[in-house]
């Protein structure tokens, strides 16, 4: 396994719409393992392949995480697709490994159903609410070239992007 570099906004790669995974094979399973290692090390609760420079429709999540009281509950979703959303919305303060140290309230559907392929290439269904629902929607947004910042007002989004650009310039 290997730690992968995480791309940060405003890198244009993060606006890429990811393509479906054609075949779930050992290469994809290795990418998933590397993504889990990278996500846990960051630390984060979700990571989309595009965030590590791979424009494939693949994401990993663990909303329980590492080092908590409960055992980790890693989930890998290949070619995920939201098939249903609840009428009820919920506001949740979101952050992102690609938007380090910035958080904002985002309104999303409270519950979702997602169809996806597992690591054996088998079709699966997931019904999610709470943090899991927020996380899966956030990560699927990444696969469509959308950052949580895109859900904010232009003023708030531009303020955060300017800060990120300034941080990048100071770091280089």
C-alpha atoms as a PDB file:
ATOM      1  CA  UNK A   1       0.000   0.000   0.000  1.00  0.00           C
ATOM      2  CA  UNK A   2       1.066   3.568  -0.575  1.00  0.00           C
ATOM      3  CA  UNK A   3       0.118   7.057   0.496  1.00  0.00           C
ATOM      4  CA  UNK A   4      -1.142   9.022  -2.490  1.00  0.00           C
ATOM      5  CA  UNK A   5      -0.894  12.799  -2.983  1.00  0.00           C
ATOM      6  CA  UNK A   6      -4.184  14.607  -2.351  1.00  0.00           C
ATOM      7  CA  UNK A   7      -4.936  17.369  -4.845  1.00  0.00           C
ATOM      8  CA  UNK A   8      -6.256  20.604  -3.345  1.00  0.00           C
ATOM      9  CA  UNK A   9      -8.480  23.382  -4.669  1.00  0.00           C
ATOM     10  CA  UNK A  10      -8.280  25.291  -6.892  1.00  0.00           C
ATOM     11  CA  UNK A  11      -6.467  22.564  -8.889  1.00  0.00           C
ATOM     12  CA  UNK A  12      -8.443  22.225 -12.170  1.00  0.00           C
ATOM     13  CA  UNK A  13      -8.196  18.406 -11.974  1.00  0.00           C
ATOM     14  CA  UNK A  14     -10.797  18.507  -9.184  1.00  0.00           C
ATOM     15  CA  UNK A  15     -13.343  19.856 -11.695  1.00  0.00           C
ATOM     16  CA  UNK A  16     -12.927  16.751 -13.896  1.00  0.00           C
ATOM     17  CA  UNK A  17     -15.965  14.524 -14.388  1.00  0.00           C
ATOM     18  CA  UNK A  18     -14.776  10.989 -13.621  1.00  0.00           C
ATOM     19  CA  UNK A  19     -15.347   8.093 -16.010  1.00  0.00           C
ATOM     20  CA  UNK A  20     -16.898   4.765 -14.976  1.00  0.00           C
ATOM     21  CA  UNK A  21     -14.661   1.902 -13.887  1.00  0.00           C
ATOM     22  CA  UNK A  22     -14.814  -0.623 -16.745  1.00  0.00           C
ATOM     23  CA  UNK A  23     -13.655  -3.667 -14.786  1.00  0.00           C
ATOM     24  CA  UNK A  24     -13.117  -4.339 -11.097  1.00  0.00           C
ATOM     25  CA  UNK A  25      -9.694  -5.975 -11.111  1.00  0.00           C
ATOM     26  CA  UNK A  26      -6.545  -6.165  -8.971  1.00  0.00           C
ATOM     27  CA  UNK A  27      -5.436  -2.706 -10.180  1.00  0.00           C
ATOM     28  CA  UNK A  28      -8.704  -1.183  -8.903  1.00  0.00           C
ATOM     29  CA  UNK A  29      -8.459  -3.130  -5.623  1.00  0.00           C
ATOM     30  CA  UNK A  30      -4.891  -1.823  -5.116  1.00  0.00           C
ATOM     31  CA  UNK A  31      -6.086   1.733  -5.792  1.00  0.00           C
ATOM     32  CA  UNK A  32      -8.850   1.223  -3.191  1.00  0.00           C
ATOM     33  CA  UNK A  33      -6.311  -0.029  -0.612  1.00  0.00           C
ATOM     34  CA  UNK A  34      -4.019   2.943  -1.304  1.00  0.00           C
ATOM     35  CA  UNK A  35      -6.981   5.328  -1.058  1.00  0.00           C
ATOM     36  CA  UNK A  36      -8.001   3.896   2.330  1.00  0.00           C
ATOM     37  CA  UNK A  37      -4.443   4.261   3.608  1.00  0.00           C
ATOM     38  CA  UNK A  38      -4.307   7.848   2.310  1.00  0.00           C
ATOM     39  CA  UNK A  39      -7.739   8.737   3.754  1.00  0.00           C
ATOM     40  CA  UNK A  40      -6.971   7.329   7.215  1.00  0.00           C
ATOM     41  CA  UNK A  41      -3.539   9.029   7.285  1.00  0.00           C
ATOM     42  CA  UNK A  42      -4.964  12.443   6.294  1.00  0.00           C
ATOM     43  CA  UNK A  43      -7.165  11.897   8.470  1.00  0.00           C
ATOM     44  CA  UNK A  44     -10.505  11.951   6.688  1.00  0.00           C
ATOM     45  CA  UNK A  45     -13.787  10.062   6.429  1.00  0.00           C
ATOM     46  CA  UNK A  46     -14.103   9.973   2.641  1.00  0.00           C
ATOM     47  CA  UNK A  47     -11.952  10.187  -0.464  1.00  0.00           C
ATOM     48  CA  UNK A  48     -12.822  10.125  -4.155  1.00  0.00           C
ATOM     49  CA  UNK A  49     -10.339   8.783  -6.711  1.00  0.00           C
ATOM     50  CA  UNK A  50     -10.177  12.164  -8.492  1.00  0.00           C
ATOM     51  CA  UNK A  51      -8.776  13.678  -5.275  1.00  0.00           C
ATOM     52  CA  UNK A  52      -5.688  11.476  -5.717  1.00  0.00           C
ATOM     53  CA  UNK A  53      -5.449  12.247  -9.430  1.00  0.00           C
ATOM     54  CA  UNK A  54      -7.392   9.269 -10.813  1.00  0.00           C
ATOM     55  CA  UNK A  55     -10.495  10.308 -12.821  1.00  0.00           C
ATOM     56  CA  UNK A  56     -12.428   7.081 -12.163  1.00  0.00           C
ATOM     57  CA  UNK A  57     -15.885   6.771 -10.544  1.00  0.00           C
ATOM     58  CA  UNK A  58     -14.600   5.284  -7.307  1.00  0.00           C
ATOM     59  CA  UNK A  59     -14.722   6.424  -3.701  1.00  0.00           C
ATOM     60  CA  UNK A  60     -13.865   5.160  -0.244  1.00  0.00           C
ATOM     61  CA  UNK A  61     -15.477   6.126   3.071  1.00  0.00           C
ATOM     62  CA  UNK A  62     -15.402   5.270   6.724  1.00  0.00           C
ATOM     63  CA  UNK A  63     -17.586   7.537   8.835  1.00  0.00           C
ATOM     64  CA  UNK A  64     -16.618   5.607  11.981  1.00  0.00           C
ATOM     65  CA  UNK A  65     -12.929   5.976  11.187  1.00  0.00           C
ATOM     66  CA  UNK A  66      -9.692   4.944  12.751  1.00  0.00           C
ATOM     67  CA  UNK A  67      -8.977   5.261  16.452  1.00  0.00           C
ATOM     68  CA  UNK A  68     -12.610   5.594  17.533  1.00  0.00           C
ATOM     69  CA  UNK A  69     -14.424   3.364  20.021  1.00  0.00           C
ATOM     70  CA  UNK A  70     -16.203   1.417  17.265  1.00  0.00           C
ATOM     71  CA  UNK A  71     -14.280  -0.763  14.803  1.00  0.00           C
ATOM     72  CA  UNK A  72     -13.636   0.820  11.391  1.00  0.00           C
ATOM     73  CA  UNK A  73     -16.357   0.335   8.780  1.00  0.00           C
ATOM     74  CA  UNK A  74     -14.564   0.883   5.463  1.00  0.00           C
ATOM     75  CA  UNK A  75     -16.794   1.149   2.405  1.00  0.00           C
ATOM     76  CA  UNK A  76     -15.572   1.199  -1.204  1.00  0.00           C
ATOM     77  CA  UNK A  77     -18.128   2.255  -3.818  1.00  0.00           C
ATOM     78  CA  UNK A  78     -17.346   1.699  -7.488  1.00  0.00           C
ATOM     79  CA  UNK A  79     -19.479   3.514 -10.075  1.00  0.00           C
ATOM     80  CA  UNK A  80     -21.826   4.852  -7.370  1.00  0.00           C
ATOM     81  CA  UNK A  81     -25.101   6.368  -8.458  1.00  0.00           C
ATOM     82  CA  UNK A  82     -27.700   8.079  -6.285  1.00  0.00           C
ATOM     83  CA  UNK A  83     -31.009   6.402  -7.123  1.00  0.00           C
ATOM     84  CA  UNK A  84     -33.251   8.130  -4.565  1.00  0.00           C
ATOM     85  CA  UNK A  85     -33.153  11.174  -2.280  1.00  0.00           C
ATOM     86  CA  UNK A  86     -35.499  12.061   0.563  1.00  0.00           C
ATOM     87  CA  UNK A  87     -37.658  15.174   0.451  1.00  0.00           C
ATOM     88  CA  UNK A  88     -36.212  16.283   3.787  1.00  0.00           C
ATOM     89  CA  UNK A  89     -33.019  18.321   3.802  1.00  0.00           C
ATOM     90  CA  UNK A  90     -30.387  18.619   6.485  1.00  0.00           C
ATOM     91  CA  UNK A  91     -27.638  21.195   7.042  1.00  0.00           C
ATOM     92  CA  UNK A  92     -24.232  19.827   7.978  1.00  0.00           C
ATOM     93  CA  UNK A  93     -20.875  21.518   8.438  1.00  0.00           C
ATOM     94  CA  UNK A  94     -18.650  19.967   5.780  1.00  0.00           C
ATOM     95  CA  UNK A  95     -14.919  19.958   5.287  1.00  0.00           C
ATOM     96  CA  UNK A  96     -12.787  18.321   2.613  1.00  0.00           C
ATOM     97  CA  UNK A  97      -9.285  16.927   2.271  1.00  0.00           C
ATOM     98  CA  UNK A  98      -9.053  18.913  -0.993  1.00  0.00           C
ATOM     99  CA  UNK A  99     -10.075  22.133   0.793  1.00  0.00           C
ATOM    100  CA  UNK A 100      -7.851  21.898   3.880  1.00  0.00           C
ATOM    101  CA  UNK A 101      -8.792  23.780   7.054  1.00  0.00           C
ATOM    102  CA  UNK A 102     -12.001  25.254   5.625  1.00  0.00           C
ATOM    103  CA  UNK A 103     -15.513  24.288   6.700  1.00  0.00           C
ATOM    104  CA  UNK A 104     -18.974  25.503   5.768  1.00  0.00           C
ATOM    105  CA  UNK A 105     -22.619  24.561   6.218  1.00  0.00           C
ATOM    106  CA  UNK A 106     -24.048  22.690   3.227  1.00  0.00           C
ATOM    107  CA  UNK A 107     -27.693  21.710   2.722  1.00  0.00           C
ATOM    108  CA  UNK A 108     -28.256  18.222   1.286  1.00  0.00           C
ATOM    109  CA  UNK A 109     -31.005  15.580   1.251  1.00  0.00           C
ATOM    110  CA  UNK A 110     -31.223  13.890   4.669  1.00  0.00           C
ATOM    111  CA  UNK A 111     -31.385  10.354   3.214  1.00  0.00           C
ATOM    112  CA  UNK A 112     -30.206   8.755  -0.025  1.00  0.00           C
ATOM    113  CA  UNK A 113     -30.099   5.402  -1.737  1.00  0.00           C
ATOM    114  CA  UNK A 114     -27.051   4.551  -3.796  1.00  0.00           C
ATOM    115  CA  UNK A 115     -26.375   1.696  -6.204  1.00  0.00           C
ATOM    116  CA  UNK A 116     -22.731   0.711  -6.734  1.00  0.00           C
ATOM    117  CA  UNK A 117     -20.356  -2.162  -7.399  1.00  0.00           C
ATOM    118  CA  UNK A 118     -18.359  -3.725  -4.569  1.00  0.00           C
ATOM    119  CA  UNK A 119     -14.730  -4.925  -4.760  1.00  0.00           C
ATOM    120  CA  UNK A 120     -15.904  -8.175  -6.361  1.00  0.00           C
ATOM    121  CA  UNK A 121     -17.744  -6.252  -9.089  1.00  0.00           C
ATOM    122  CA  UNK A 122     -21.123  -7.240  -7.624  1.00  0.00           C
ATOM    123  CA  UNK A 123     -24.046  -4.774  -7.654  1.00  0.00           C
ATOM    124  CA  UNK A 124     -24.987  -3.440  -4.210  1.00  0.00           C
ATOM    125  CA  UNK A 125     -27.487  -1.003  -2.703  1.00  0.00           C
ATOM    126  CA  UNK A 126     -26.868   1.358   0.196  1.00  0.00           C
ATOM    127  CA  UNK A 127     -29.506   3.345   2.052  1.00  0.00           C
ATOM    128  CA  UNK A 128     -27.903   6.056   4.128  1.00  0.00           C
ATOM    129  CA  UNK A 129     -28.876   8.782   6.550  1.00  0.00           C
ATOM    130  CA  UNK A 130     -26.960  10.984   8.972  1.00  0.00           C
ATOM    131  CA  UNK A 131     -23.236  11.454   8.429  1.00  0.00           C
ATOM    132  CA  UNK A 132     -23.061   8.511   6.005  1.00  0.00           C
ATOM    133  CA  UNK A 133     -25.634  10.171   3.707  1.00  0.00           C
ATOM    134  CA  UNK A 134     -23.751  13.485   3.817  1.00  0.00           C
ATOM    135  CA  UNK A 135     -20.414  11.799   3.137  1.00  0.00           C
ATOM    136  CA  UNK A 136     -21.618   9.683   0.202  1.00  0.00           C
ATOM    137  CA  UNK A 137     -23.234  12.737  -1.448  1.00  0.00           C
ATOM    138  CA  UNK A 138     -20.077  14.807  -0.877  1.00  0.00           C
ATOM    139  CA  UNK A 139     -17.852  12.109  -2.418  1.00  0.00           C
ATOM    140  CA  UNK A 140     -20.173  11.475  -5.389  1.00  0.00           C
ATOM    141  CA  UNK A 141     -20.097  15.248  -6.016  1.00  0.00           C
ATOM    142  CA  UNK A 142     -16.307  14.922  -6.415  1.00  0.00           C
ATOM    143  CA  UNK A 143     -16.849  12.315  -9.144  1.00  0.00           C
ATOM    144  CA  UNK A 144     -18.984  14.891 -10.967  1.00  0.00           C
ATOM    145  CA  UNK A 145     -16.371  17.652 -10.641  1.00  0.00           C
ATOM    146  CA  UNK A 146     -18.213  19.394  -7.787  1.00  0.00           C
ATOM    147  CA  UNK A 147     -16.622  20.585  -4.539  1.00  0.00           C
ATOM    148  CA  UNK A 148     -18.622  21.386  -1.414  1.00  0.00           C
ATOM    149  CA  UNK A 149     -17.595  24.991  -2.110  1.00  0.00           C
ATOM    150  CA  UNK A 150     -19.848  24.909  -5.181  1.00  0.00           C
ATOM    151  CA  UNK A 151     -22.845  24.644  -2.827  1.00  0.00           C
ATOM    152  CA  UNK A 152     -21.913  27.956  -1.163  1.00  0.00           C
ATOM    153  CA  UNK A 153     -22.612  31.540  -2.176  1.00  0.00           C
ATOM    154  CA  UNK A 154     -20.178  32.984  -4.733  1.00  0.00           C
ATOM    155  CA  UNK A 155     -18.881  35.417  -2.111  1.00  0.00           C
ATOM    156  CA  UNK A 156     -18.090  32.708   0.453  1.00  0.00           C
ATOM    157  CA  UNK A 157     -16.667  30.340  -2.209  1.00  0.00           C
ATOM    158  CA  UNK A 158     -14.366  33.006  -3.685  1.00  0.00           C
ATOM    159  CA  UNK A 159     -13.155  34.049  -0.238  1.00  0.00           C
ATOM    160  CA  UNK A 160     -12.127  30.455   0.580  1.00  0.00           C
ATOM    161  CA  UNK A 161     -10.525  29.935  -2.864  1.00  0.00           C
ATOM    162  CA  UNK A 162      -8.483  33.147  -2.475  1.00  0.00           C
ATOM    163  CA  UNK A 163      -7.230  31.926   0.930  1.00  0.00           C
ATOM    164  CA  UNK A 164      -6.292  28.538  -0.575  1.00  0.00           C
ATOM    165  CA  UNK A 165      -4.393  30.213  -3.439  1.00  0.00           C
ATOM    166  CA  UNK A 166      -2.529  32.386  -0.964  1.00  0.00           C
ATOM    167  CA  UNK A 167      -1.633  29.305   1.150  1.00  0.00           C
ATOM    168  CA  UNK A 168      -0.364  27.510  -1.977  1.00  0.00           C
ATOM    169  CA  UNK A 169       1.800  30.491  -2.995  1.00  0.00           C
ATOM    170  CA  UNK A 170       3.278  30.748   0.501  1.00  0.00           C
ATOM    171  CA  UNK A 171       4.035  27.004   0.569  1.00  0.00           C
ATOM    172  CA  UNK A 172       5.897  27.012  -2.757  1.00  0.00           C
END
